[in-house]
Amino acid sequence: MHGIIFELDGKLTDLTGVWVHLQSPAGKDWRDFKVMVQAGRAPEVFDPSGMRDWGVPWPDFIWSQIHELGTFIVEAYFDAMQECMGQCRSPFRWVIATIDTVVENDGIELRGKALPFSPRQY
């Protein structure tokens, strides 16, 4: 088991056709997504370099990384998740547009908006 679950519009799906390009989804055909990473996988996905101070909660660390590095760090998170799941990138189908919430329960949960990929837009 890989310890990562990705849902798009409430349906389980894989990460192979996902690309990250943070943007405002206003007025677009956005869909809700949720990704859950088991606690044991959190360092591998969100902090492979071991930069997080043990006293800093995961959501605070992740938000600080997103605010500082934006699209690039979120892309790295999704690349790490794909690797953990043994998936390879395929032609893009979805664009991760926003990260709206980061919470820690039994793992780390990211929620946000995704858009259908359209090459004309990028």
N, C-alpha and C. Protein backbone atom coordinates (compact mmCIF):
# COMPACT_ATOMS: atom_id res chain seq x y z
N MET A 1 0.85 -1.19 0.00
CA MET A 1 0.00 0.00 0.00
C MET A 1 0.88 1.24 0.00
N HIS A 2 0.50 2.25 -0.77
CA HIS A 2 1.33 3.43 -0.93
C HIS A 2 0.99 4.55 0.04
N GLY A 3 -0.16 4.53 0.70
CA GLY A 3 -0.49 5.52 1.71
C GLY A 3 -0.90 6.88 1.18
N ILE A 4 -1.32 6.94 -0.07
CA ILE A 4 -1.74 8.20 -0.67
C ILE A 4 -3.05 7.98 -1.42
N ILE A 5 -4.01 8.86 -1.19
CA ILE A 5 -5.30 8.78 -1.87
C ILE A 5 -5.57 10.12 -2.53
N PHE A 6 -5.96 10.09 -3.80
CA PHE A 6 -6.29 11.30 -4.54
C PHE A 6 -7.72 11.19 -5.04
N GLU A 7 -8.54 12.18 -4.69
CA GLU A 7 -9.93 12.22 -5.14
C GLU A 7 -10.16 13.49 -5.93
N LEU A 8 -10.86 13.35 -7.02
CA LEU A 8 -11.24 14.48 -7.86
C LEU A 8 -12.75 14.40 -8.03
N ASP A 9 -13.45 15.44 -7.65
CA ASP A 9 -14.92 15.44 -7.67
C ASP A 9 -15.48 14.27 -6.87
N GLY A 10 -14.80 13.92 -5.78
CA GLY A 10 -15.27 12.86 -4.91
C GLY A 10 -15.00 11.45 -5.40
N LYS A 11 -14.28 11.31 -6.51
CA LYS A 11 -13.98 9.99 -7.07
C LYS A 11 -12.49 9.71 -6.98
N LEU A 12 -12.16 8.50 -6.55
CA LEU A 12 -10.75 8.10 -6.50
C LEU A 12 -10.17 8.10 -7.91
N THR A 13 -8.99 8.63 -8.05
CA THR A 13 -8.32 8.65 -9.35
C THR A 13 -6.81 8.58 -9.12
N ASP A 14 -6.07 8.47 -10.19
CA ASP A 14 -4.61 8.44 -10.05
C ASP A 14 -4.04 9.84 -10.29
N LEU A 15 -2.76 9.97 -10.09
CA LEU A 15 -2.09 11.26 -10.21
C LEU A 15 -1.34 11.41 -11.54
N THR A 16 -1.45 10.44 -12.42
CA THR A 16 -0.58 10.42 -13.60
C THR A 16 -0.80 11.60 -14.54
N GLY A 17 -2.00 12.10 -14.67
CA GLY A 17 -2.27 13.18 -15.61
C GLY A 17 -2.40 14.54 -14.96
N VAL A 18 -1.76 14.70 -13.79
CA VAL A 18 -1.89 15.95 -13.02
C VAL A 18 -0.66 16.83 -13.22
N TRP A 19 -0.93 18.10 -13.43
CA TRP A 19 0.11 19.12 -13.54
C TRP A 19 -0.26 20.23 -12.56
N VAL A 20 0.71 20.91 -12.00
CA VAL A 20 0.45 21.99 -11.05
C VAL A 20 0.78 23.33 -11.69
N HIS A 21 -0.19 24.23 -11.63
CA HIS A 21 0.00 25.61 -12.07
C HIS A 21 -0.97 26.45 -11.23
N LEU A 22 -0.47 26.94 -10.08
CA LEU A 22 -1.34 27.68 -9.17
C LEU A 22 -1.86 28.95 -9.84
N GLN A 23 -3.16 29.19 -9.67
CA GLN A 23 -3.84 30.31 -10.33
C GLN A 23 -5.21 30.49 -9.71
N SER A 24 -5.87 31.54 -10.09
CA SER A 24 -7.24 31.75 -9.64
C SER A 24 -8.18 30.95 -10.54
N PRO A 25 -9.03 30.11 -9.94
CA PRO A 25 -9.95 29.32 -10.76
C PRO A 25 -11.24 30.08 -11.09
N ALA A 26 -11.31 31.36 -10.72
CA ALA A 26 -12.54 32.13 -10.92
C ALA A 26 -13.02 32.06 -12.36
N GLY A 27 -14.31 31.76 -12.49
CA GLY A 27 -14.93 31.75 -13.81
C GLY A 27 -14.54 30.58 -14.69
N LYS A 28 -13.83 29.62 -14.14
CA LYS A 28 -13.38 28.48 -14.94
C LYS A 28 -14.12 27.22 -14.50
N ASP A 29 -13.93 26.16 -15.24
CA ASP A 29 -14.59 24.89 -14.98
C ASP A 29 -13.82 24.09 -13.93
N TRP A 30 -13.76 24.60 -12.72
CA TRP A 30 -12.95 23.97 -11.68
C TRP A 30 -13.70 22.82 -11.02
N ARG A 31 -12.91 21.92 -10.42
CA ARG A 31 -13.43 20.77 -9.68
C ARG A 31 -12.71 20.70 -8.34
N ASP A 32 -13.38 20.21 -7.33
CA ASP A 32 -12.76 20.02 -6.02
C ASP A 32 -11.85 18.80 -6.05
N PHE A 33 -10.71 18.90 -5.38
CA PHE A 33 -9.85 17.73 -5.20
C PHE A 33 -9.44 17.62 -3.74
N LYS A 34 -9.09 16.41 -3.38
CA LYS A 34 -8.55 16.13 -2.05
C LYS A 34 -7.46 15.09 -2.21
N VAL A 35 -6.35 15.32 -1.54
CA VAL A 35 -5.30 14.32 -1.52
C VAL A 35 -4.95 14.07 -0.06
N MET A 36 -4.86 12.80 0.31
CA MET A 36 -4.54 12.40 1.68
C MET A 36 -3.25 11.61 1.66
N VAL A 37 -2.29 12.05 2.47
CA VAL A 37 -1.00 11.39 2.59
C VAL A 37 -0.90 10.86 4.01
N GLN A 38 -0.73 9.54 4.17
CA GLN A 38 -0.59 8.96 5.50
C GLN A 38 0.59 9.60 6.23
N ALA A 39 0.46 9.70 7.55
CA ALA A 39 1.47 10.37 8.38
C ALA A 39 2.88 9.82 8.11
N GLY A 40 3.02 8.53 7.94
CA GLY A 40 4.33 7.93 7.71
C GLY A 40 4.98 8.35 6.41
N ARG A 41 4.18 8.79 5.46
CA ARG A 41 4.69 9.25 4.16
C ARG A 41 4.95 10.76 4.12
N ALA A 42 4.50 11.49 5.13
CA ALA A 42 4.60 12.95 5.12
C ALA A 42 6.04 13.45 4.92
N PRO A 43 7.04 12.94 5.65
CA PRO A 43 8.39 13.45 5.43
C PRO A 43 8.89 13.21 4.00
N GLU A 44 8.56 12.07 3.46
CA GLU A 44 8.99 11.70 2.10
C GLU A 44 8.38 12.62 1.04
N VAL A 45 7.13 13.02 1.27
CA VAL A 45 6.42 13.85 0.30
C VAL A 45 6.66 15.34 0.53
N PHE A 46 6.54 15.78 1.78
CA PHE A 46 6.54 17.21 2.07
C PHE A 46 7.86 17.77 2.60
N ASP A 47 8.77 16.90 3.01
CA ASP A 47 10.04 17.39 3.58
C ASP A 47 11.18 16.41 3.35
N PRO A 48 11.47 16.07 2.09
CA PRO A 48 12.52 15.07 1.84
C PRO A 48 13.91 15.54 2.26
N SER A 49 14.12 16.84 2.39
CA SER A 49 15.43 17.37 2.81
C SER A 49 15.57 17.51 4.32
N GLY A 50 14.49 17.22 5.05
CA GLY A 50 14.55 17.30 6.51
C GLY A 50 14.67 18.72 7.06
N MET A 51 14.02 19.67 6.42
CA MET A 51 14.09 21.07 6.84
C MET A 51 13.11 21.43 7.94
N ARG A 52 12.05 20.66 8.10
CA ARG A 52 11.01 21.00 9.09
C ARG A 52 11.54 20.81 10.50
N ASP A 53 11.35 21.83 11.30
CA ASP A 53 11.66 21.76 12.73
C ASP A 53 10.59 20.89 13.39
N TRP A 54 10.97 19.98 14.28
CA TRP A 54 10.01 19.06 14.88
C TRP A 54 8.89 19.76 15.63
N GLY A 55 9.12 20.98 16.10
CA GLY A 55 8.08 21.71 16.81
C GLY A 55 7.07 22.39 15.91
N VAL A 56 7.32 22.39 14.61
CA VAL A 56 6.42 23.06 13.66
C VAL A 56 5.40 22.05 13.13
N PRO A 57 4.11 22.33 13.31
CA PRO A 57 3.09 21.42 12.78
C PRO A 57 3.20 21.31 11.25
N TRP A 58 2.86 20.15 10.73
CA TRP A 58 2.92 19.93 9.29
C TRP A 58 2.17 20.99 8.49
N PRO A 59 0.92 21.31 8.84
CA PRO A 59 0.22 22.33 8.04
C PRO A 59 0.96 23.67 7.99
N ASP A 60 1.53 24.10 9.11
CA ASP A 60 2.27 25.37 9.13
C ASP A 60 3.50 25.29 8.23
N PHE A 61 4.21 24.17 8.30
CA PHE A 61 5.39 23.99 7.46
C PHE A 61 5.02 24.01 5.98
N ILE A 62 3.98 23.26 5.62
CA ILE A 62 3.56 23.17 4.22
C ILE A 62 3.11 24.53 3.71
N TRP A 63 2.30 25.25 4.50
CA TRP A 63 1.87 26.59 4.07
C TRP A 63 3.05 27.52 3.89
N SER A 64 4.03 27.46 4.79
CA SER A 64 5.19 28.35 4.65
C SER A 64 5.95 28.04 3.36
N GLN A 65 6.05 26.76 3.02
CA GLN A 65 6.71 26.37 1.78
C GLN A 65 5.92 26.85 0.56
N ILE A 66 4.60 26.70 0.61
CA ILE A 66 3.77 27.14 -0.51
C ILE A 66 3.86 28.66 -0.69
N HIS A 67 3.81 29.40 0.41
CA HIS A 67 3.89 30.86 0.32
C HIS A 67 5.25 31.31 -0.22
N GLU A 68 6.30 30.60 0.15
CA GLU A 68 7.64 30.98 -0.29
C GLU A 68 7.95 30.52 -1.71
N LEU A 69 7.52 29.30 -2.07
CA LEU A 69 7.95 28.69 -3.33
C LEU A 69 6.84 28.46 -4.34
N GLY A 70 5.59 28.61 -3.94
CA GLY A 70 4.46 28.55 -4.86
C GLY A 70 4.34 27.26 -5.65
N THR A 71 4.05 27.43 -6.93
CA THR A 71 3.81 26.31 -7.84
C THR A 71 4.92 25.27 -7.77
N PHE A 72 6.17 25.73 -7.66
CA PHE A 72 7.30 24.82 -7.73
C PHE A 72 7.28 23.78 -6.61
N ILE A 73 6.95 24.19 -5.39
CA ILE A 73 6.95 23.23 -4.28
C ILE A 73 5.73 22.32 -4.36
N VAL A 74 4.60 22.85 -4.79
CA VAL A 74 3.41 22.00 -4.92
C VAL A 74 3.64 20.96 -6.01
N GLU A 75 4.29 21.36 -7.10
CA GLU A 75 4.65 20.39 -8.15
C GLU A 75 5.56 19.31 -7.58
N ALA A 76 6.51 19.71 -6.74
CA ALA A 76 7.42 18.73 -6.12
C ALA A 76 6.64 17.77 -5.21
N TYR A 77 5.66 18.29 -4.47
CA TYR A 77 4.82 17.42 -3.64
C TYR A 77 4.11 16.38 -4.50
N PHE A 78 3.51 16.83 -5.60
CA PHE A 78 2.76 15.90 -6.45
C PHE A 78 3.69 14.91 -7.16
N ASP A 79 4.88 15.36 -7.54
CA ASP A 79 5.86 14.43 -8.12
C ASP A 79 6.24 13.36 -7.11
N ALA A 80 6.46 13.76 -5.85
CA ALA A 80 6.81 12.80 -4.80
C ALA A 80 5.67 11.82 -4.55
N MET A 81 4.43 12.32 -4.58
CA MET A 81 3.28 11.44 -4.40
C MET A 81 3.21 10.42 -5.53
N GLN A 82 3.43 10.87 -6.77
CA GLN A 82 3.42 9.94 -7.90
C GLN A 82 4.48 8.87 -7.72
N GLU A 83 5.65 9.27 -7.29
CA GLU A 83 6.73 8.31 -7.08
C GLU A 83 6.36 7.29 -6.00
N CYS A 84 5.79 7.77 -4.90
CA CYS A 84 5.36 6.86 -3.82
C CYS A 84 4.32 5.86 -4.31
N MET A 85 3.48 6.31 -5.24
CA MET A 85 2.41 5.45 -5.75
C MET A 85 2.88 4.58 -6.91
N GLY A 86 4.14 4.74 -7.33
CA GLY A 86 4.66 3.96 -8.44
C GLY A 86 4.05 4.35 -9.77
N GLN A 87 3.63 5.62 -9.89
CA GLN A 87 3.00 6.09 -11.11
C GLN A 87 3.95 6.98 -11.89
N CYS A 88 3.84 6.94 -13.19
CA CYS A 88 4.63 7.79 -14.07
C CYS A 88 3.71 8.86 -14.65
N ARG A 89 4.30 9.98 -14.97
CA ARG A 89 3.52 11.07 -15.55
C ARG A 89 3.03 10.66 -16.93
N SER A 90 1.77 11.01 -17.19
CA SER A 90 1.18 10.76 -18.51
C SER A 90 0.68 12.10 -19.05
N PRO A 91 0.14 12.12 -20.25
CA PRO A 91 -0.38 13.40 -20.77
C PRO A 91 -1.33 14.05 -19.75
N PHE A 92 -1.21 15.35 -19.65
CA PHE A 92 -1.98 16.09 -18.64
C PHE A 92 -3.47 16.03 -18.93
N ARG A 93 -4.22 15.79 -17.84
CA ARG A 93 -5.68 15.84 -17.89
C ARG A 93 -6.22 16.90 -16.95
N TRP A 94 -5.48 17.16 -15.85
CA TRP A 94 -5.95 18.08 -14.81
C TRP A 94 -4.83 19.02 -14.39
N VAL A 95 -5.21 20.24 -14.02
CA VAL A 95 -4.27 21.22 -13.51
C VAL A 95 -4.68 21.54 -12.08
N ILE A 96 -3.75 21.35 -11.14
CA ILE A 96 -4.00 21.76 -9.76
C ILE A 96 -3.86 23.28 -9.74
N ALA A 97 -4.98 23.97 -9.45
CA ALA A 97 -5.01 25.43 -9.53
C ALA A 97 -4.86 26.10 -8.18
N THR A 98 -5.41 25.49 -7.13
CA THR A 98 -5.33 26.10 -5.80
C THR A 98 -5.09 25.03 -4.75
N ILE A 99 -4.47 25.46 -3.67
CA ILE A 99 -4.45 24.69 -2.43
C ILE A 99 -5.21 25.57 -1.44
N ASP A 100 -6.36 25.11 -1.01
CA ASP A 100 -7.23 25.92 -0.15
C ASP A 100 -7.09 25.58 1.32
N THR A 101 -6.88 24.31 1.62
CA THR A 101 -6.72 23.91 3.02
C THR A 101 -5.64 22.84 3.13
N VAL A 102 -4.95 22.88 4.26
CA VAL A 102 -3.98 21.85 4.64
C VAL A 102 -4.30 21.52 6.09
N VAL A 103 -4.67 20.28 6.34
CA VAL A 103 -4.99 19.86 7.71
C VAL A 103 -4.25 18.57 8.03
N GLU A 104 -4.04 18.38 9.33
CA GLU A 104 -3.39 17.16 9.80
C GLU A 104 -4.34 16.42 10.71
N ASN A 105 -4.66 15.19 10.35
CA ASN A 105 -5.47 14.30 11.17
C ASN A 105 -4.67 13.02 11.34
N ASP A 106 -5.09 11.96 10.66
CA ASP A 106 -4.32 10.72 10.65
C ASP A 106 -3.21 10.79 9.61
N GLY A 107 -3.15 11.89 8.93
CA GLY A 107 -2.16 12.16 7.90
C GLY A 107 -2.28 13.61 7.50
N ILE A 108 -1.79 13.93 6.35
CA ILE A 108 -1.86 15.29 5.84
C ILE A 108 -2.87 15.31 4.69
N GLU A 109 -3.82 16.21 4.78
CA GLU A 109 -4.84 16.34 3.75
C GLU A 109 -4.74 17.71 3.10
N LEU A 110 -4.62 17.72 1.78
CA LEU A 110 -4.66 18.95 0.99
C LEU A 110 -5.97 18.97 0.23
N ARG A 111 -6.62 20.12 0.24
CA ARG A 111 -7.84 20.31 -0.56
C ARG A 111 -7.68 21.56 -1.38
N GLY A 112 -8.28 21.53 -2.56
CA GLY A 112 -8.22 22.70 -3.42
C GLY A 112 -9.06 22.52 -4.65
N LYS A 113 -8.69 23.28 -5.69
CA LYS A 113 -9.42 23.26 -6.95
C LYS A 113 -8.50 22.79 -8.06
N ALA A 114 -9.08 22.02 -8.97
CA ALA A 114 -8.38 21.56 -10.17
C ALA A 114 -9.21 21.96 -11.38
N LEU A 115 -8.52 22.14 -12.48
CA LEU A 115 -9.17 22.51 -13.74
C LEU A 115 -8.84 21.46 -14.79
N PRO A 116 -9.75 21.20 -15.73
CA PRO A 116 -9.39 20.33 -16.85
C PRO A 116 -8.24 20.97 -17.62
N PHE A 117 -7.27 20.17 -18.03
CA PHE A 117 -6.13 20.70 -18.79
C PHE A 117 -6.57 21.03 -20.21
N SER A 118 -6.18 22.21 -20.66
CA SER A 118 -6.44 22.63 -22.04
C SER A 118 -5.16 23.30 -22.54
N PRO A 119 -4.47 22.71 -23.52
CA PRO A 119 -3.21 23.27 -23.99
C PRO A 119 -3.34 24.71 -24.48
N ARG A 120 -4.51 25.10 -24.92
CA ARG A 120 -4.71 26.47 -25.41
C ARG A 120 -4.56 27.51 -24.30
N GLN A 121 -4.75 27.07 -23.05
CA GLN A 121 -4.67 28.01 -21.93
C GLN A 121 -3.25 28.20 -21.42
N TYR A 122 -2.33 27.31 -21.81
CA TYR A 122 -0.98 27.37 -21.21
C TYR A 122 0.08 27.48 -22.26
